[in-house]
Each structure stands twice: as structure tokens, then as C-alpha cells.
Amino acid sequence: MDEELRALERAGDPRAGRARLRAGLDARASLEDFIQAQSNALAAELIGSVATRRHAAHVFLDGPTGTGKTLLLRALSVARADSFLWTGVDLHERAAAALEWGELLDLPRLLIVDDLTRFEPPLGVLLRRSLHGTTLVAAGSAVTHACAALGGRLVVVGPLEDPGRRELFARTQRRLGAGDPQGELPSVLPRSGFEIEGLARNLALRAAT
């Protein structure tokens, strides 16, 4: 689901909105929704510090898909009214326009960028000039390049261990109003949170038919 959604968003496909709804990505997020574990404790701590304005340096979240990075960014945007939440596509479109007109990006105190998959030198130059007084928090496959160019803290968010994966499955079932799925639950759940939530939705739909 994650790769399907990202492809639709990058292509500007109108079906992306429906895909986001199916994935539950348009629901209001909270930092309390994030299942904390040893594999993601530092990321959760840093995002919480940015949310309470105790950390002002840039933060870059790296790691495999389905580990909760998008949830952290969405929750941070809810916690900070002085923020913009953009996709990587949004950032590149705005950067292209700013470079064309010889302008800087007009940014709030906090810029949050999800799915940053490209980071070319011109973007780095523009951001270094535009980010004065702005904290950048980003996730995506290009964050290592962004961190090297802009400075800040790079944190790897790892997948949940089995107890956390089961808790995510149970939370998804409760959110969907499904009954007890234990009879159908595989002995080993996927490592990706997106796949776990997709499995929970499929079982809930099966039980409802």
C-alpha cells in the first residue's frame, strides 16, 4: 500500500486521495498513537522535543518503510500550529518556482517534509538560505544527503519487534471496530506497519462479509 500511495502522489494522480483514506493517513494523528520501542525510542524522543520546542535543530528520520515515520511527522504537524507539512513532491515544486523567480522559500517556524526522495545541490543551496529561523524535520530515502548538506540529527527508525507488531495489529482492529481476530492471526506478522494495518483491514472486511 505504501509504494502504491507514494507512486500515485508523485504522479499527481487524483486517486491518491482515496488511497490515503484507505490507508488511514488522513485521520488526525497524535504522538500517543506511536508505538514506542527500543528500535524507535530516539526518534520518538527527538520528535517529542521538537513538538514541545525543546529541540530546534534539524531532524532527519531514516529507515525502512512501515516503521512509523509518517505517523511521527503527521503527529508533529498536529502538535505544532506553526508548521507546514509537505511531501517531497510539494517541496520540489515550491523550490523550482522559487529558483525560477530568484526568491527564497517562505517558511514557518517548522517545516515537515515526508517522502523526501531526491536532494539535489540547488535544493540544498535554496534551503540553506531559506531555513534561517526554521527547523526542518524530514523523512525519506534522501535524508542522509539532506542531513549532510544542512546539518542536524540523523536518526534511524527501526521496525517493531513482535510485541509491538501485535499491538499495532490490535490497535488497528479496535479502530476498525472489528471483533477478536486471534483465530485468523498469523503466528508471524509482517515487519512493515503498512502491511500489518493492511492485514488487519483485510481480516476486518472478511469478517464483515
Protein backbone atom coordinates (compact mmCIF):
# COMPACT_ATOMS: atom_id res chain seq x y z
CA MET A 1 0.00 0.00 0.00
CA ASP A 2 2.82 2.39 0.86
CA GLU A 3 4.52 2.07 -2.51
CA GLU A 4 1.17 2.34 -4.35
CA LEU A 5 0.29 5.52 -2.47
CA ARG A 6 3.69 7.10 -2.98
CA ALA A 7 3.59 6.39 -6.71
CA LEU A 8 0.13 7.97 -7.01
CA GLU A 9 1.22 11.05 -5.06
CA ARG A 10 4.38 11.51 -7.13
CA ALA A 11 2.33 11.27 -10.33
CA GLY A 12 -0.28 13.74 -9.07
CA ASP A 13 -2.93 11.05 -9.59
CA PRO A 14 -6.35 12.05 -8.16
CA ARG A 15 -6.71 8.51 -6.83
CA ALA A 16 -4.06 9.35 -4.22
CA GLY A 17 -6.70 10.95 -2.01
CA ARG A 18 -8.77 7.77 -1.92
CA ALA A 19 -5.64 5.71 -1.32
CA ARG A 20 -4.74 7.90 1.64
CA LEU A 21 -8.20 7.40 3.11
CA ARG A 22 -7.94 3.62 2.70
CA ALA A 23 -4.56 3.68 4.40
CA GLY A 24 -5.86 5.80 7.27
CA LEU A 25 -3.34 8.56 6.57
CA ASP A 26 -5.87 11.38 6.65
CA ALA A 27 -7.01 10.60 10.18
CA ARG A 28 -5.87 13.04 12.87
CA ALA A 29 -2.60 11.81 14.35
CA SER A 30 -1.16 12.10 17.84
CA LEU A 31 2.26 11.28 19.26
CA GLU A 32 0.40 9.00 21.66
CA ASP A 33 -0.56 6.83 18.65
CA PHE A 34 3.09 5.96 18.07
CA ILE A 35 4.05 2.58 19.49
CA GLN A 36 7.37 3.16 21.20
CA ALA A 37 10.07 0.53 21.35
CA GLN A 38 13.83 0.34 21.64
CA SER A 39 14.12 0.49 17.85
CA ASN A 40 12.43 3.90 17.64
CA ALA A 41 12.96 5.42 21.10
CA LEU A 42 15.43 8.10 19.98
CA ALA A 43 13.23 9.18 17.06
CA ALA A 44 10.19 9.44 19.33
CA GLU A 45 12.18 11.44 21.89
CA LEU A 46 13.52 13.90 19.31
CA ILE A 47 10.15 14.44 17.64
CA GLY A 48 8.59 14.97 21.06
CA SER A 49 11.28 17.54 21.83
CA VAL A 50 10.57 19.38 18.58
CA ALA A 51 6.84 19.28 19.36
CA THR A 52 7.44 20.98 22.73
CA ARG A 53 10.02 23.38 21.25
CA ARG A 54 12.87 21.94 23.34
CA HIS A 55 14.84 20.95 20.22
CA ALA A 56 15.38 23.45 17.41
CA ALA A 57 17.99 21.70 15.24
CA HIS A 58 17.01 19.85 12.07
CA VAL A 59 15.94 16.21 12.44
CA PHE A 60 16.08 13.60 9.68
CA LEU A 61 14.34 10.23 10.02
CA ASP A 62 15.80 7.33 8.05
CA GLY A 63 14.86 3.66 7.95
CA PRO A 64 12.71 1.16 6.07
CA THR A 65 9.11 1.85 5.08
CA GLY A 66 6.36 0.94 7.50
CA THR A 67 8.23 1.89 10.69
CA GLY A 68 6.03 4.83 11.68
CA LYS A 69 8.00 7.77 10.29
CA THR A 70 4.95 9.22 8.53
CA LEU A 71 2.88 8.90 11.71
CA LEU A 72 5.53 10.80 13.67
CA LEU A 73 5.58 13.60 11.09
CA ARG A 74 1.78 13.85 10.94
CA ALA A 75 1.56 13.91 14.72
CA LEU A 76 4.24 16.60 14.88
CA SER A 77 2.29 18.76 12.42
CA VAL A 78 -0.79 18.45 14.65
CA ALA A 79 1.22 19.36 17.75
CA ARG A 80 2.79 22.44 16.15
CA ALA A 81 0.39 25.01 14.72
CA ASP A 82 3.38 26.97 13.37
CA SER A 83 4.29 24.25 10.87
CA PHE A 84 3.82 23.21 7.25
CA LEU A 85 3.55 19.53 6.35
CA TRP A 86 4.72 18.93 2.78
CA THR A 87 5.53 15.88 0.73
CA GLY A 88 8.85 15.72 -1.06
CA VAL A 89 6.95 16.50 -4.27
CA ASP A 90 5.49 19.64 -2.65
CA LEU A 91 8.94 20.80 -1.62
CA HIS A 92 10.45 20.27 -5.06
CA GLU A 93 7.59 22.09 -6.79
CA ARG A 94 7.89 25.09 -4.48
CA ALA A 95 11.67 25.06 -4.74
CA ALA A 96 11.52 25.01 -8.54
CA ALA A 97 9.22 28.04 -8.54
CA ALA A 98 11.41 29.91 -6.04
CA LEU A 99 14.57 29.20 -8.05
CA GLU A 100 12.86 30.31 -11.26
CA TRP A 101 11.90 33.64 -9.70
CA GLY A 102 15.11 34.09 -7.74
CA GLU A 103 13.25 34.04 -4.42
CA LEU A 104 13.60 32.26 -1.09
CA LEU A 105 11.04 29.84 0.27
CA ASP A 106 8.51 31.49 2.60
CA LEU A 107 8.61 29.13 5.58
CA PRO A 108 7.07 28.90 9.06
CA ARG A 109 8.98 28.10 12.24
CA LEU A 110 8.75 24.38 11.46
CA LEU A 111 8.87 22.69 8.05
CA ILE A 112 7.97 18.99 7.97
CA VAL A 113 8.69 17.03 4.78
CA ASP A 114 7.60 13.43 4.26
CA ASP A 115 8.90 11.15 1.50
CA LEU A 116 11.95 13.21 0.55
CA THR A 117 13.33 11.01 -2.21
CA ARG A 118 15.58 13.48 -4.06
CA PHE A 119 18.00 16.10 -2.78
CA GLU A 120 19.99 17.91 -5.45
CA PRO A 121 22.63 20.60 -4.75
CA PRO A 122 20.38 23.51 -5.91
CA LEU A 123 17.75 22.46 -3.37
CA GLY A 124 20.40 22.37 -0.66
CA VAL A 125 21.57 25.88 -1.51
CA LEU A 126 17.99 27.19 -1.50
CA LEU A 127 17.18 25.56 1.83
CA ARG A 128 20.36 26.82 3.50
CA ARG A 129 19.31 30.33 2.53
CA SER A 130 15.62 29.87 3.38
CA LEU A 131 15.77 27.96 6.68
CA HIS A 132 17.00 30.77 8.93
CA GLY A 133 14.76 30.57 11.99
CA THR A 134 13.06 27.42 10.64
CA THR A 135 13.53 23.87 11.88
CA LEU A 136 13.36 21.16 9.23
CA VAL A 137 12.12 17.68 10.10
CA ALA A 138 12.11 15.24 7.19
CA ALA A 139 11.84 11.56 6.35
CA GLY A 140 12.59 9.68 3.15
CA SER A 141 15.30 7.94 1.21
CA ALA A 142 17.26 11.17 0.57
CA VAL A 143 17.53 12.37 4.17
CA THR A 144 21.16 11.29 4.52
CA HIS A 145 22.07 13.70 1.71
CA ALA A 146 19.90 16.43 3.24
CA CYS A 147 21.49 15.99 6.65
CA ALA A 148 25.00 16.14 5.17
CA ALA A 149 24.13 19.36 3.34
CA LEU A 150 22.12 21.12 6.05
CA GLY A 151 23.38 19.68 9.33
CA GLY A 152 21.25 18.34 12.14
CA ARG A 153 20.49 14.92 13.62
CA LEU A 154 20.04 11.79 11.53
CA VAL A 155 18.06 9.05 13.30
CA VAL A 156 17.26 5.57 12.04
CA VAL A 157 13.76 4.34 12.86
CA GLY A 158 13.73 0.56 13.00
CA PRO A 159 10.85 -1.90 12.67
CA LEU A 160 8.90 -3.03 15.71
CA GLU A 161 9.64 -6.30 17.40
CA ASP A 162 6.88 -8.92 17.68
CA PRO A 163 5.08 -7.43 20.75
CA GLY A 164 4.89 -4.02 19.08
CA ARG A 165 3.66 -5.51 15.81
CA ARG A 166 0.90 -7.33 17.66
CA GLU A 167 -0.05 -4.16 19.49
CA LEU A 168 -0.28 -2.31 16.17
CA PHE A 169 -2.47 -5.06 14.77
CA ALA A 170 -4.75 -4.92 17.84
CA ARG A 171 -4.99 -1.13 17.70
CA THR A 172 -5.94 -1.26 14.04
CA GLN A 173 -8.61 -3.85 14.78
CA ARG A 174 -10.04 -1.68 17.56
CA ARG A 175 -10.04 1.37 15.31
CA LEU A 176 -11.96 -0.58 12.69
CA GLY A 177 -14.44 -1.85 15.26
CA ALA A 178 -13.58 -5.45 14.41
CA GLY A 179 -14.04 -8.41 16.69
CA ASP A 180 -11.32 -10.61 18.13
CA PRO A 181 -9.21 -11.79 15.15
CA GLN A 182 -6.92 -14.13 17.09
CA GLY A 183 -8.21 -17.24 15.35
CA GLU A 184 -7.07 -15.87 11.99
CA LEU A 185 -3.95 -14.05 13.14
CA PRO A 186 -0.75 -15.46 11.57
CA SER A 187 1.88 -16.67 14.00
CA VAL A 188 4.33 -14.18 12.46
CA LEU A 189 3.18 -10.69 11.48
CA PRO A 190 4.87 -8.63 8.73
CA ARG A 191 7.63 -6.26 9.80
CA SER A 192 6.12 -3.30 7.93
CA GLY A 193 3.45 -1.34 9.77
CA PHE A 194 1.67 -0.69 6.47
CA GLU A 195 1.43 -4.42 5.82
CA ILE A 196 0.21 -5.09 9.37
CA GLU A 197 -2.54 -2.49 9.05
CA GLY A 198 -3.45 -3.84 5.60
CA LEU A 199 -3.75 -7.34 7.04
CA ALA A 200 -5.97 -6.07 9.85
CA ARG A 201 -8.22 -4.26 7.37
CA ASN A 202 -8.48 -7.33 5.15
CA LEU A 203 -9.45 -9.56 8.07
CA ALA A 204 -11.99 -7.00 9.25
CA LEU A 205 -13.54 -6.85 5.79
CA ARG A 206 -13.61 -10.61 5.59
CA ALA A 207 -15.33 -10.84 8.96
CA ALA A 208 -17.94 -8.28 7.89
CA THR A 209 -18.96 -10.20 4.76
